[in-house]
Amino acid sequence: RRLITVDSGNEYQGSEEDSAALVSFDDDPASLGYRFGDYDEPIVKGTDMPYFWYIPRTAGTSIESMLTRCHGLVVAGSKGGIGDNALSKHLEVFEPFPDEKFVNVNLRTPEGIQRAIDLKVVESGIADVIFASRIDQVSKIFHPPHNQGRCFTMLRHPVDRAVSVFYYLKDAREEWKYMTIDQYAASDKAETDWMTRSLSQKLHTSTVNEEDLRTAKEFLRTKCIIGLTTSFGESYEHFQQYFGWKDPGTLHCENDVMSELANQRQKYPPVTYGSTTWRTLADRNKYDVRLYEYAKEIFAKHGT
């Protein structure tokens, strides 16, 4: 039996020249890469902590659900903030949903991240894996050389992701209810280069540039295991092998989880490749598009 895969929609045609500069993270404690181990270094059990960089609308929920429900892993992420659990002065494991175990920390907010740092969530050994999107802030929970993060992530074409973000927010927020995708693409509400900003530690700055793109590329090349939504099964297999999670006995559970999530997946009209709206979103995310194309090259190399 094969793992059910995710169809992410349109696929950008093109290639990104390998232009990543030789960016050194190892000697700069202020850099993002300083707190993460290199992809090609052996994992040190009890010291290295798997960290899933959760990019919104990019199959992160699927990965999290399979690791919790099928592998029994304990996650420190955003669901630990459900109820009053994250108000405790101590770290605890609880089940907000059946067969899903989470540490009572909320890594979605700055306050929750600081609480996790103060309670030494990594040093405690209570979590098996970290799931969070605020990679710059969350990286502060790691303290080399005592411990370090081991990054893995799923990537999706930035235009497809932007469209998915729009329709998700259109359902979730009243002020977006009557907005069209064309209006969204032309407005300042649409994201611009979220991945490049995150990896270059410039999420809240007005612009990013070529140097920031090189920094983002080098982080992905040296620090992260790349997965692609267009190759979901192969990506998940790579994650399992890399972290030692491979278990043939979990395949039935994983297929059940994927079938369940597929039935819940939001349906919306696609944006035609090359259309005015597609080009507008691609232009707003021009560095992320190039970063994604580069990530596809890394994915192909790591898979060989």
Protein backbone atom coordinates (compact mmCIF):
# COMPACT_ATOMS: atom_id res chain seq x y z
CA ARG A 1 0.00 0.00 0.00
CA ARG A 2 1.14 3.52 -0.76
CA LEU A 3 0.75 6.64 1.32
CA ILE A 4 -1.95 8.93 -0.04
CA THR A 5 -0.40 12.11 -1.44
CA VAL A 6 -1.39 15.76 -1.45
CA ASP A 7 -2.24 17.59 -4.67
CA SER A 8 -1.03 21.16 -4.24
CA GLY A 9 -2.34 22.58 -7.50
CA ASN A 10 -0.38 24.57 -10.07
CA GLU A 11 3.31 23.95 -10.46
CA TYR A 12 5.63 26.75 -11.54
CA GLN A 13 7.81 25.87 -14.51
CA GLY A 14 11.37 27.08 -14.34
CA SER A 15 14.62 26.65 -12.50
CA GLU A 16 16.61 28.70 -10.05
CA GLU A 17 20.36 28.84 -10.58
CA ASP A 18 22.33 27.69 -7.58
CA SER A 19 23.48 31.12 -6.47
CA ALA A 20 23.57 30.69 -2.70
CA ALA A 21 26.53 32.51 -1.24
CA LEU A 22 28.84 30.93 1.29
CA VAL A 23 27.07 32.25 4.37
CA SER A 24 28.62 31.17 7.67
CA PHE A 25 26.28 30.70 10.62
CA ASP A 26 28.52 28.73 12.97
CA ASP A 27 30.41 31.61 14.56
CA ASP A 28 27.55 34.09 14.89
CA PRO A 29 25.24 33.45 17.87
CA ALA A 30 22.86 36.11 16.51
CA SER A 31 22.29 34.21 13.26
CA LEU A 32 19.40 31.82 12.80
CA GLY A 33 21.61 29.02 11.57
CA TYR A 34 23.77 29.06 14.70
CA ARG A 35 21.06 27.27 16.67
CA PHE A 36 20.54 24.45 14.16
CA GLY A 37 22.68 21.45 13.29
CA ASP A 38 23.88 20.86 9.74
CA TYR A 39 21.85 18.55 7.54
CA ASP A 40 24.81 16.24 6.90
CA GLU A 41 25.85 15.90 10.56
CA PRO A 42 24.84 12.77 12.51
CA ILE A 43 21.96 13.32 14.91
CA VAL A 44 22.95 13.22 18.57
CA LYS A 45 20.18 11.55 20.57
CA GLY A 46 19.23 13.42 23.72
CA THR A 47 20.81 16.62 22.43
CA ASP A 48 19.40 17.31 18.96
CA MET A 49 15.71 18.19 18.75
CA PRO A 50 13.68 17.76 15.53
CA TYR A 51 12.08 21.09 14.62
CA PHE A 52 9.39 21.28 11.95
CA TRP A 53 9.29 24.75 10.41
CA TYR A 54 5.53 25.09 10.07
CA ILE A 55 4.79 27.16 6.96
CA PRO A 56 1.05 27.99 6.94
CA ARG A 57 -1.08 26.13 4.38
CA THR A 58 1.73 23.75 3.46
CA ALA A 59 0.68 20.30 4.73
CA GLY A 60 2.11 20.86 8.22
CA THR A 61 -1.10 19.66 9.86
CA SER A 62 -0.82 16.37 7.97
CA ILE A 63 2.75 15.79 9.16
CA GLU A 64 1.87 16.71 12.74
CA SER A 65 -1.20 14.47 12.82
CA MET A 66 0.67 11.43 11.51
CA LEU A 67 3.57 11.86 13.92
CA THR A 68 1.27 12.26 16.92
CA ARG A 69 -1.55 9.85 16.11
CA CYS A 70 0.44 7.14 14.32
CA HIS A 71 3.90 7.34 15.90
CA GLY A 72 2.86 8.50 19.38
CA LEU A 73 5.31 11.40 19.39
CA VAL A 74 4.87 14.23 21.90
CA VAL A 75 4.76 17.63 20.20
CA ALA A 76 5.59 21.08 21.53
CA GLY A 77 3.74 23.50 19.28
CA SER A 78 0.62 25.65 19.18
CA LYS A 79 -2.00 23.15 20.36
CA GLY A 80 -0.43 23.17 23.81
CA GLY A 81 -2.19 26.48 24.34
CA ILE A 82 -5.65 24.91 24.24
CA GLY A 83 -7.61 25.58 27.42
CA ASP A 84 -5.77 26.63 30.57
CA ASN A 85 -2.94 24.14 30.20
CA ALA A 86 -0.43 26.76 29.07
CA LEU A 87 -0.97 28.76 32.28
CA SER A 88 0.68 26.14 34.48
CA LYS A 89 4.04 26.85 36.07
CA HIS A 90 5.23 23.39 35.10
CA LEU A 91 5.62 21.43 31.88
CA GLU A 92 3.06 18.70 31.37
CA VAL A 93 1.88 16.40 28.57
CA PHE A 94 -1.84 16.33 27.82
CA GLU A 95 -4.17 15.13 25.05
CA PRO A 96 -6.36 17.91 23.63
CA PHE A 97 -7.58 15.38 21.05
CA PRO A 98 -7.62 11.55 21.16
CA ASP A 99 -4.17 10.03 20.59
CA GLU A 100 -2.54 13.45 20.14
CA LYS A 101 -0.06 14.29 22.90
CA PHE A 102 1.19 17.85 23.33
CA VAL A 103 3.35 19.71 25.81
CA ASN A 104 1.46 22.54 27.53
CA VAL A 105 3.31 25.34 25.73
CA ASN A 106 2.02 27.64 23.00
CA LEU A 107 4.67 28.37 20.38
CA ARG A 108 2.31 30.52 18.31
CA THR A 109 2.74 33.70 20.38
CA PRO A 110 5.81 35.63 21.60
CA GLU A 111 4.60 35.21 25.19
CA GLY A 112 4.15 31.48 24.75
CA ILE A 113 7.58 31.12 23.18
CA GLN A 114 9.20 32.99 26.07
CA ARG A 115 7.39 30.75 28.55
CA ALA A 116 8.74 27.69 26.74
CA ILE A 117 12.26 29.15 26.94
CA ASP A 118 11.87 29.93 30.65
CA LEU A 119 10.60 26.42 31.40
CA LYS A 120 13.45 24.90 29.35
CA VAL A 121 11.18 22.83 27.15
CA VAL A 122 14.07 21.39 25.13
CA GLU A 123 16.33 20.66 28.10
CA SER A 124 13.48 18.91 29.92
CA GLY A 125 13.30 16.16 27.31
CA ILE A 126 9.51 16.17 27.57
CA ALA A 127 8.94 16.74 23.83
CA ASP A 128 9.93 14.51 20.91
CA VAL A 129 9.53 17.18 18.23
CA ILE A 130 8.87 20.93 17.91
CA PHE A 131 6.27 22.36 15.50
CA ALA A 132 6.24 26.15 15.03
CA SER A 133 6.17 28.79 12.31
CA ARG A 134 8.00 31.67 14.06
CA ILE A 135 11.39 30.18 13.36
CA ASP A 136 13.47 33.21 14.38
CA GLN A 137 11.80 33.54 17.78
CA VAL A 138 11.39 29.82 18.43
CA SER A 139 15.06 29.15 17.63
CA LYS A 140 15.88 30.80 20.97
CA ILE A 141 14.70 27.66 22.75
CA PHE A 142 17.88 25.95 21.51
CA HIS A 143 21.20 26.55 23.28
CA PRO A 144 24.25 25.23 21.41
CA PRO A 145 26.39 23.34 22.23
CA HIS A 146 24.10 21.86 24.89
CA ASN A 147 21.30 21.29 22.39
CA GLN A 148 20.37 22.32 18.86
CA GLY A 149 17.46 22.16 16.46
CA ARG A 150 17.33 19.82 13.48
CA CYS A 151 15.12 21.51 10.90
CA PHE A 152 12.69 19.80 8.55
CA THR A 153 9.89 21.45 6.59
CA MET A 154 7.35 21.16 3.78
CA LEU A 155 7.37 23.71 0.96
CA ARG A 156 4.68 24.69 -1.50
CA HIS A 157 4.83 27.02 -4.48
CA PRO A 158 4.38 30.54 -3.04
CA VAL A 159 1.53 31.44 -5.40
CA ASP A 160 -0.41 28.29 -4.53
CA ARG A 161 0.23 28.97 -0.85
CA ALA A 162 -0.90 32.61 -1.15
CA VAL A 163 -4.15 31.53 -2.79
CA SER A 164 -4.76 28.95 -0.05
CA VAL A 165 -4.05 31.55 2.67
CA PHE A 166 -6.57 33.90 1.08
CA TYR A 167 -9.42 31.39 0.97
CA TYR A 168 -8.68 30.22 4.50
CA LEU A 169 -8.85 33.79 5.82
CA LYS A 170 -11.89 34.55 3.68
CA ASP A 171 -13.77 31.87 5.61
CA ALA A 172 -12.26 32.80 8.96
CA ARG A 173 -12.52 36.60 9.00
CA GLU A 174 -15.63 38.69 8.54
CA GLU A 175 -13.74 41.61 6.96
CA TRP A 176 -12.50 39.31 4.17
CA LYS A 177 -15.88 37.78 3.43
CA TYR A 178 -16.65 39.79 0.30
CA MET A 179 -13.10 40.21 -0.99
CA THR A 180 -12.12 38.50 -4.25
CA ILE A 181 -8.81 36.80 -4.93
CA ASP A 182 -8.03 39.51 -7.51
CA GLN A 183 -8.59 42.24 -4.92
CA TYR A 184 -6.49 40.35 -2.41
CA ALA A 185 -3.57 39.96 -4.82
CA ALA A 186 -3.52 43.68 -5.55
CA SER A 187 -3.88 44.74 -1.90
CA ASP A 188 -1.39 45.18 0.92
CA LYS A 189 -3.10 42.30 2.75
CA ALA A 190 -1.31 39.76 0.58
CA GLU A 191 1.92 38.33 2.01
CA THR A 192 5.22 39.25 0.45
CA ASP A 193 8.19 36.87 0.59
CA TRP A 194 7.23 35.35 3.94
CA MET A 195 9.76 32.51 3.75
CA THR A 196 12.70 34.72 2.75
CA ARG A 197 11.82 37.22 5.47
CA SER A 198 11.59 34.48 8.09
CA LEU A 199 14.91 32.84 7.25
CA SER A 200 16.78 36.14 6.94
CA GLN A 201 15.35 37.32 10.30
CA LYS A 202 13.55 40.22 8.61
CA LEU A 203 9.92 39.18 8.96
CA HIS A 204 8.80 42.64 10.04
CA THR A 205 10.95 44.79 7.74
CA SER A 206 9.55 46.57 4.70
CA THR A 207 11.80 44.98 2.09
CA VAL A 208 14.17 42.09 1.49
CA ASN A 209 16.96 41.87 -1.06
CA GLU A 210 19.37 39.54 -2.86
CA GLU A 211 21.55 39.16 0.22
CA ASP A 212 18.54 38.07 2.26
CA LEU A 213 17.67 35.53 -0.42
CA ARG A 214 21.21 34.13 -0.29
CA THR A 215 20.96 33.80 3.49
CA ALA A 216 17.62 31.98 3.18
CA LYS A 217 18.99 29.66 0.51
CA GLU A 218 22.03 28.78 2.58
CA PHE A 219 19.89 27.98 5.62
CA LEU A 220 17.76 25.58 3.60
CA ARG A 221 20.80 24.03 1.93
CA THR A 222 22.84 23.41 5.07
CA LYS A 223 20.34 23.25 7.93
CA CYS A 224 17.05 21.81 6.73
CA ILE A 225 15.52 18.62 5.37
CA ILE A 226 13.30 19.76 2.50
CA GLY A 227 9.93 18.27 1.72
CA LEU A 228 7.59 19.29 -1.11
CA THR A 229 3.81 19.10 -1.15
CA THR A 230 4.05 17.92 -4.77
CA SER A 231 6.07 14.91 -3.52
CA PHE A 232 4.37 14.38 -0.18
CA GLY A 233 4.89 10.64 0.17
CA GLU A 234 8.56 10.79 -0.76
CA SER A 235 9.08 13.76 1.59
CA TYR A 236 7.43 12.03 4.54
CA GLU A 237 9.47 8.91 3.89
CA HIS A 238 12.66 10.99 3.97
CA PHE A 239 11.68 12.59 7.29
CA GLN A 240 11.01 9.19 8.84
CA GLN A 241 14.30 7.72 7.69
CA TYR A 242 16.35 10.74 8.72
CA PHE A 243 14.98 10.89 12.26
CA GLY A 244 14.62 7.16 12.78
CA TRP A 245 10.83 7.20 12.87
CA LYS A 246 10.30 4.60 10.15
CA ASP A 247 7.78 1.97 11.25
CA PRO A 248 5.97 -0.21 8.67
CA GLY A 249 3.23 -0.77 11.23
CA THR A 250 2.07 2.85 11.01
CA LEU A 251 1.16 2.88 7.29
CA HIS A 252 -2.51 1.97 7.80
CA CYS A 253 -2.88 4.71 10.41
CA GLU A 254 -1.13 7.25 8.19
CA ASN A 255 -3.42 6.48 5.25
CA ASP A 256 -6.44 6.85 7.54
CA VAL A 257 -5.18 10.23 8.74
CA MET A 258 -4.55 11.44 5.19
CA SER A 259 -7.99 10.27 4.03
CA GLU A 260 -9.63 12.05 6.97
CA LEU A 261 -7.75 15.30 6.30
CA ALA A 262 -8.47 15.07 2.56
CA ASN A 263 -12.20 15.02 3.32
CA GLN A 264 -11.79 18.15 5.45
CA ARG A 265 -9.69 20.03 2.90
CA GLN A 266 -11.09 23.35 1.80
CA LYS A 267 -12.19 23.53 -1.83
CA TYR A 268 -11.78 26.71 -3.86
CA PRO A 269 -11.31 27.72 -7.51
CA PRO A 270 -7.67 27.63 -8.67
CA VAL A 271 -5.86 30.66 -10.00
CA THR A 272 -4.80 30.00 -13.57
CA TYR A 273 -1.06 29.81 -14.12
CA GLY A 274 0.13 32.91 -15.99
CA SER A 275 -3.05 34.91 -15.35
CA THR A 276 -2.87 38.53 -14.18
CA THR A 277 -3.64 37.51 -10.60
CA TRP A 278 -1.09 34.68 -10.71
CA ARG A 279 1.60 37.04 -12.01
CA THR A 280 0.72 39.66 -9.40
CA LEU A 281 1.10 37.16 -6.56
CA ALA A 282 4.31 35.80 -8.08
CA ASP A 283 5.75 39.30 -8.34
CA ARG A 284 4.82 40.09 -4.73
CA ASN A 285 6.69 36.94 -3.74
CA LYS A 286 9.52 37.05 -6.23
CA TYR A 287 12.21 36.07 -3.73
CA ASP A 288 10.10 33.27 -2.29
CA VAL A 289 9.47 31.92 -5.81
CA ARG A 290 13.21 31.80 -6.39
CA LEU A 291 13.77 30.26 -2.95
CA TYR A 292 11.20 27.59 -3.75
CA GLU A 293 12.87 26.77 -7.07
CA TYR A 294 16.20 26.46 -5.25
CA ALA A 295 14.57 24.24 -2.60
CA LYS A 296 13.41 21.89 -5.36
CA GLU A 297 17.03 21.48 -6.42
CA ILE A 298 18.03 20.67 -2.83
CA PHE A 299 15.16 18.17 -2.58
CA ALA A 300 16.36 16.40 -5.72
CA LYS A 301 19.96 16.23 -4.44
CA HIS A 302 19.02 15.00 -0.97
CA GLY A 303 16.87 12.31 -2.51
CA THR A 304 19.72 10.83 -4.55
